[in-house]
Amino acid sequence: MGRESQAKWARRVERWRQSGLTTKDFAQREGVSAATLAWWKWRLTQERDRRRARAVKRRRAVKRAVGFVEIVGATAISAAATDAFEVELGRGYRVRVPARFEADALQRLLGVLEGR
């Protein structure tokens, strides 16, 4: 049969999972070694688990990194301003913006938050 791609084995392993057949029966039907089929299932599961672990680690790192973002050059505004508003962003961010603000500073802040 020769060497086959990882993608082809991934499709084969998925068909096997959905078939409900034993390793031996499915391998025989496909004309492949039962040991090779089992090995590919193990390898693909290991790779999936590593990808998930890296994704979790990245999400945790982003959560730790999110905090206060210093905006250099922003104008100090009195908290008593009456026309303040809030901007709610995806992923749980909420930015309170006073009535008087520096548009460039707000744009930089939103850019940082959207990049995470």
C-alpha atoms as a PDB file:
ATOM      1  CA  MET A   1       0.000   0.000   0.000  1.00  0.00           C
ATOM      2  CA  GLY A   2       3.000   2.341   0.483  1.00  0.00           C
ATOM      3  CA  ARG A   3       3.284   5.326   2.774  1.00  0.00           C
ATOM      4  CA  GLU A   4       0.091   7.280   3.279  1.00  0.00           C
ATOM      5  CA  SER A   5      -0.362  10.813   4.498  1.00  0.00           C
ATOM      6  CA  GLN A   6      -1.319  11.749   8.013  1.00  0.00           C
ATOM      7  CA  ALA A   7      -4.503  13.319   6.665  1.00  0.00           C
ATOM      8  CA  LYS A   8      -5.509  10.043   5.028  1.00  0.00           C
ATOM      9  CA  TRP A   9      -4.870   8.155   8.274  1.00  0.00           C
ATOM     10  CA  ALA A  10      -6.854  10.757  10.212  1.00  0.00           C
ATOM     11  CA  ARG A  11      -9.831  10.207   7.917  1.00  0.00           C
ATOM     12  CA  ARG A  12      -9.429   6.445   8.229  1.00  0.00           C
ATOM     13  CA  VAL A  13      -9.262   6.589  12.039  1.00  0.00           C
ATOM     14  CA  GLU A  14     -12.374   8.778  12.107  1.00  0.00           C
ATOM     15  CA  ARG A  15     -14.236   6.278   9.902  1.00  0.00           C
ATOM     16  CA  TRP A  16     -13.110   3.522  12.260  1.00  0.00           C
ATOM     17  CA  ARG A  17     -14.419   5.404  15.299  1.00  0.00           C
ATOM     18  CA  GLN A  18     -17.754   5.915  13.607  1.00  0.00           C
ATOM     19  CA  SER A  19     -17.980   2.319  12.371  1.00  0.00           C
ATOM     20  CA  GLY A  20     -18.217   0.686  15.778  1.00  0.00           C
ATOM     21  CA  LEU A  21     -16.000  -2.136  14.509  1.00  0.00           C
ATOM     22  CA  THR A  22     -13.113  -3.617  16.451  1.00  0.00           C
ATOM     23  CA  THR A  23      -9.583  -2.660  15.489  1.00  0.00           C
ATOM     24  CA  LYS A  24      -9.015  -6.039  13.890  1.00  0.00           C
ATOM     25  CA  ASP A  25     -12.283  -6.044  11.901  1.00  0.00           C
ATOM     26  CA  PHE A  26     -11.919  -2.499  10.614  1.00  0.00           C
ATOM     27  CA  ALA A  27      -8.256  -2.988   9.724  1.00  0.00           C
ATOM     28  CA  GLN A  28      -9.091  -6.163   7.836  1.00  0.00           C
ATOM     29  CA  ARG A  29     -11.873  -4.383   5.942  1.00  0.00           C
ATOM     30  CA  GLU A  30      -9.462  -1.561   5.017  1.00  0.00           C
ATOM     31  CA  GLY A  31      -6.594  -3.888   4.180  1.00  0.00           C
ATOM     32  CA  VAL A  32      -4.240  -2.356   6.756  1.00  0.00           C
ATOM     33  CA  SER A  33      -2.454  -3.675   9.816  1.00  0.00           C
ATOM     34  CA  ALA A  34      -4.473  -3.542  13.052  1.00  0.00           C
ATOM     35  CA  ALA A  35      -1.317  -2.467  14.915  1.00  0.00           C
ATOM     36  CA  THR A  36      -0.722   0.386  12.469  1.00  0.00           C
ATOM     37  CA  LEU A  37      -4.334   1.519  12.761  1.00  0.00           C
ATOM     38  CA  ALA A  38      -4.092   1.517  16.564  1.00  0.00           C
ATOM     39  CA  TRP A  39      -0.775   3.393  16.416  1.00  0.00           C
ATOM     40  CA  TRP A  40      -2.266   6.097  14.203  1.00  0.00           C
ATOM     41  CA  LYS A  41      -5.206   6.499  16.570  1.00  0.00           C
ATOM     42  CA  TRP A  42      -2.744   6.931  19.448  1.00  0.00           C
ATOM     43  CA  ARG A  43      -0.568   9.405  17.512  1.00  0.00           C
ATOM     44  CA  LEU A  44      -3.488  11.532  16.328  1.00  0.00           C
ATOM     45  CA  THR A  45      -4.922  11.625  19.859  1.00  0.00           C
ATOM     46  CA  GLN A  46      -1.541  12.726  21.240  1.00  0.00           C
ATOM     47  CA  GLU A  47      -1.312  15.542  18.685  1.00  0.00           C
ATOM     48  CA  ARG A  48      -4.871  16.681  19.381  1.00  0.00           C
ATOM     49  CA  ASP A  49      -4.173  16.733  23.127  1.00  0.00           C
ATOM     50  CA  ARG A  50      -0.955  18.733  22.605  1.00  0.00           C
ATOM     51  CA  ARG A  51      -2.814  21.278  20.461  1.00  0.00           C
ATOM     52  CA  ARG A  52      -5.512  21.631  23.117  1.00  0.00           C
ATOM     53  CA  ALA A  53      -2.936  22.048  25.879  1.00  0.00           C
ATOM     54  CA  ARG A  54      -1.143  24.772  23.885  1.00  0.00           C
ATOM     55  CA  ALA A  55      -4.452  26.566  23.263  1.00  0.00           C
ATOM     56  CA  VAL A  56      -5.318  26.465  26.978  1.00  0.00           C
ATOM     57  CA  LYS A  57      -1.841  27.744  27.836  1.00  0.00           C
ATOM     58  CA  ARG A  58      -2.221  30.635  25.363  1.00  0.00           C
ATOM     59  CA  ARG A  59      -5.647  31.556  26.773  1.00  0.00           C
ATOM     60  CA  ARG A  60      -4.271  31.544  30.317  1.00  0.00           C
ATOM     61  CA  ALA A  61      -1.321  33.691  29.261  1.00  0.00           C
ATOM     62  CA  VAL A  62      -3.672  36.216  27.663  1.00  0.00           C
ATOM     63  CA  LYS A  63      -5.813  36.323  30.797  1.00  0.00           C
ATOM     64  CA  ARG A  64      -2.720  36.971  32.932  1.00  0.00           C
ATOM     65  CA  ALA A  65      -1.403  39.579  30.500  1.00  0.00           C
ATOM     66  CA  VAL A  66      -4.661  41.502  30.374  1.00  0.00           C
ATOM     67  CA  GLY A  67      -4.684  44.089  33.050  1.00  0.00           C
ATOM     68  CA  PHE A  68      -4.205  47.747  32.797  1.00  0.00           C
ATOM     69  CA  VAL A  69      -2.873  49.160  29.589  1.00  0.00           C
ATOM     70  CA  GLU A  70      -0.940  52.376  30.008  1.00  0.00           C
ATOM     71  CA  ILE A  71      -1.911  55.048  27.522  1.00  0.00           C
ATOM     72  CA  VAL A  72       0.821  57.596  27.131  1.00  0.00           C
ATOM     73  CA  GLY A  73      -0.323  61.109  26.364  1.00  0.00           C
ATOM     74  CA  ALA A  74      -3.930  60.693  27.472  1.00  0.00           C
ATOM     75  CA  THR A  75      -5.548  63.791  28.891  1.00  0.00           C
ATOM     76  CA  ALA A  76      -6.589  63.592  32.543  1.00  0.00           C
ATOM     77  CA  ILE A  77     -10.366  63.898  32.783  1.00  0.00           C
ATOM     78  CA  SER A  78     -12.541  64.610  35.787  1.00  0.00           C
ATOM     79  CA  ALA A  79     -14.633  61.621  36.886  1.00  0.00           C
ATOM     80  CA  ALA A  80     -17.547  63.998  37.301  1.00  0.00           C
ATOM     81  CA  ALA A  81     -18.071  64.347  33.540  1.00  0.00           C
ATOM     82  CA  THR A  82     -21.741  63.756  32.755  1.00  0.00           C
ATOM     83  CA  ASP A  83     -21.610  62.570  29.142  1.00  0.00           C
ATOM     84  CA  ALA A  84     -19.433  59.520  29.762  1.00  0.00           C
ATOM     85  CA  PHE A  85     -20.184  56.239  27.980  1.00  0.00           C
ATOM     86  CA  GLU A  86     -19.092  52.614  27.992  1.00  0.00           C
ATOM     87  CA  VAL A  87     -17.888  50.467  25.148  1.00  0.00           C
ATOM     88  CA  GLU A  88     -18.521  46.737  25.547  1.00  0.00           C
ATOM     89  CA  LEU A  89     -16.203  44.572  23.513  1.00  0.00           C
ATOM     90  CA  GLY A  90     -16.265  40.855  22.926  1.00  0.00           C
ATOM     91  CA  ARG A  91     -14.474  38.534  25.316  1.00  0.00           C
ATOM     92  CA  GLY A  92     -15.692  40.428  28.370  1.00  0.00           C
ATOM     93  CA  TYR A  93     -13.936  43.771  27.917  1.00  0.00           C
ATOM     94  CA  ARG A  94     -15.731  46.918  29.021  1.00  0.00           C
ATOM     95  CA  VAL A  95     -14.136  50.340  28.552  1.00  0.00           C
ATOM     96  CA  ARG A  96     -15.536  53.363  30.364  1.00  0.00           C
ATOM     97  CA  VAL A  97     -14.911  56.517  28.380  1.00  0.00           C
ATOM     98  CA  PRO A  98     -15.346  59.954  29.934  1.00  0.00           C
ATOM     99  CA  ALA A  99     -17.106  62.759  28.088  1.00  0.00           C
ATOM    100  CA  ARG A 100     -13.776  64.359  27.249  1.00  0.00           C
ATOM    101  CA  PHE A 101     -11.156  61.981  25.992  1.00  0.00           C
ATOM    102  CA  GLU A 102      -8.280  61.830  23.559  1.00  0.00           C
ATOM    103  CA  ALA A 103      -9.522  59.914  20.511  1.00  0.00           C
ATOM    104  CA  ASP A 104      -6.035  58.683  19.550  1.00  0.00           C
ATOM    105  CA  ALA A 105      -5.495  57.227  23.015  1.00  0.00           C
ATOM    106  CA  LEU A 106      -8.846  55.427  22.922  1.00  0.00           C
ATOM    107  CA  GLN A 107      -8.075  54.087  19.454  1.00  0.00           C
ATOM    108  CA  ARG A 108      -4.718  52.720  20.665  1.00  0.00           C
ATOM    109  CA  LEU A 109      -6.396  51.065  23.651  1.00  0.00           C
ATOM    110  CA  LEU A 110      -9.054  49.416  21.495  1.00  0.00           C
ATOM    111  CA  GLY A 111      -6.355  48.230  19.101  1.00  0.00           C
ATOM    112  CA  VAL A 112      -4.472  46.558  21.940  1.00  0.00           C
ATOM    113  CA  LEU A 113      -7.613  44.874  23.260  1.00  0.00           C
ATOM    114  CA  GLU A 114      -8.729  43.671  19.825  1.00  0.00           C
ATOM    115  CA  GLY A 115      -5.274  42.219  19.175  1.00  0.00           C
ATOM    116  CA  ARG A 116      -5.522  39.853  22.157  1.00  0.00           C
END
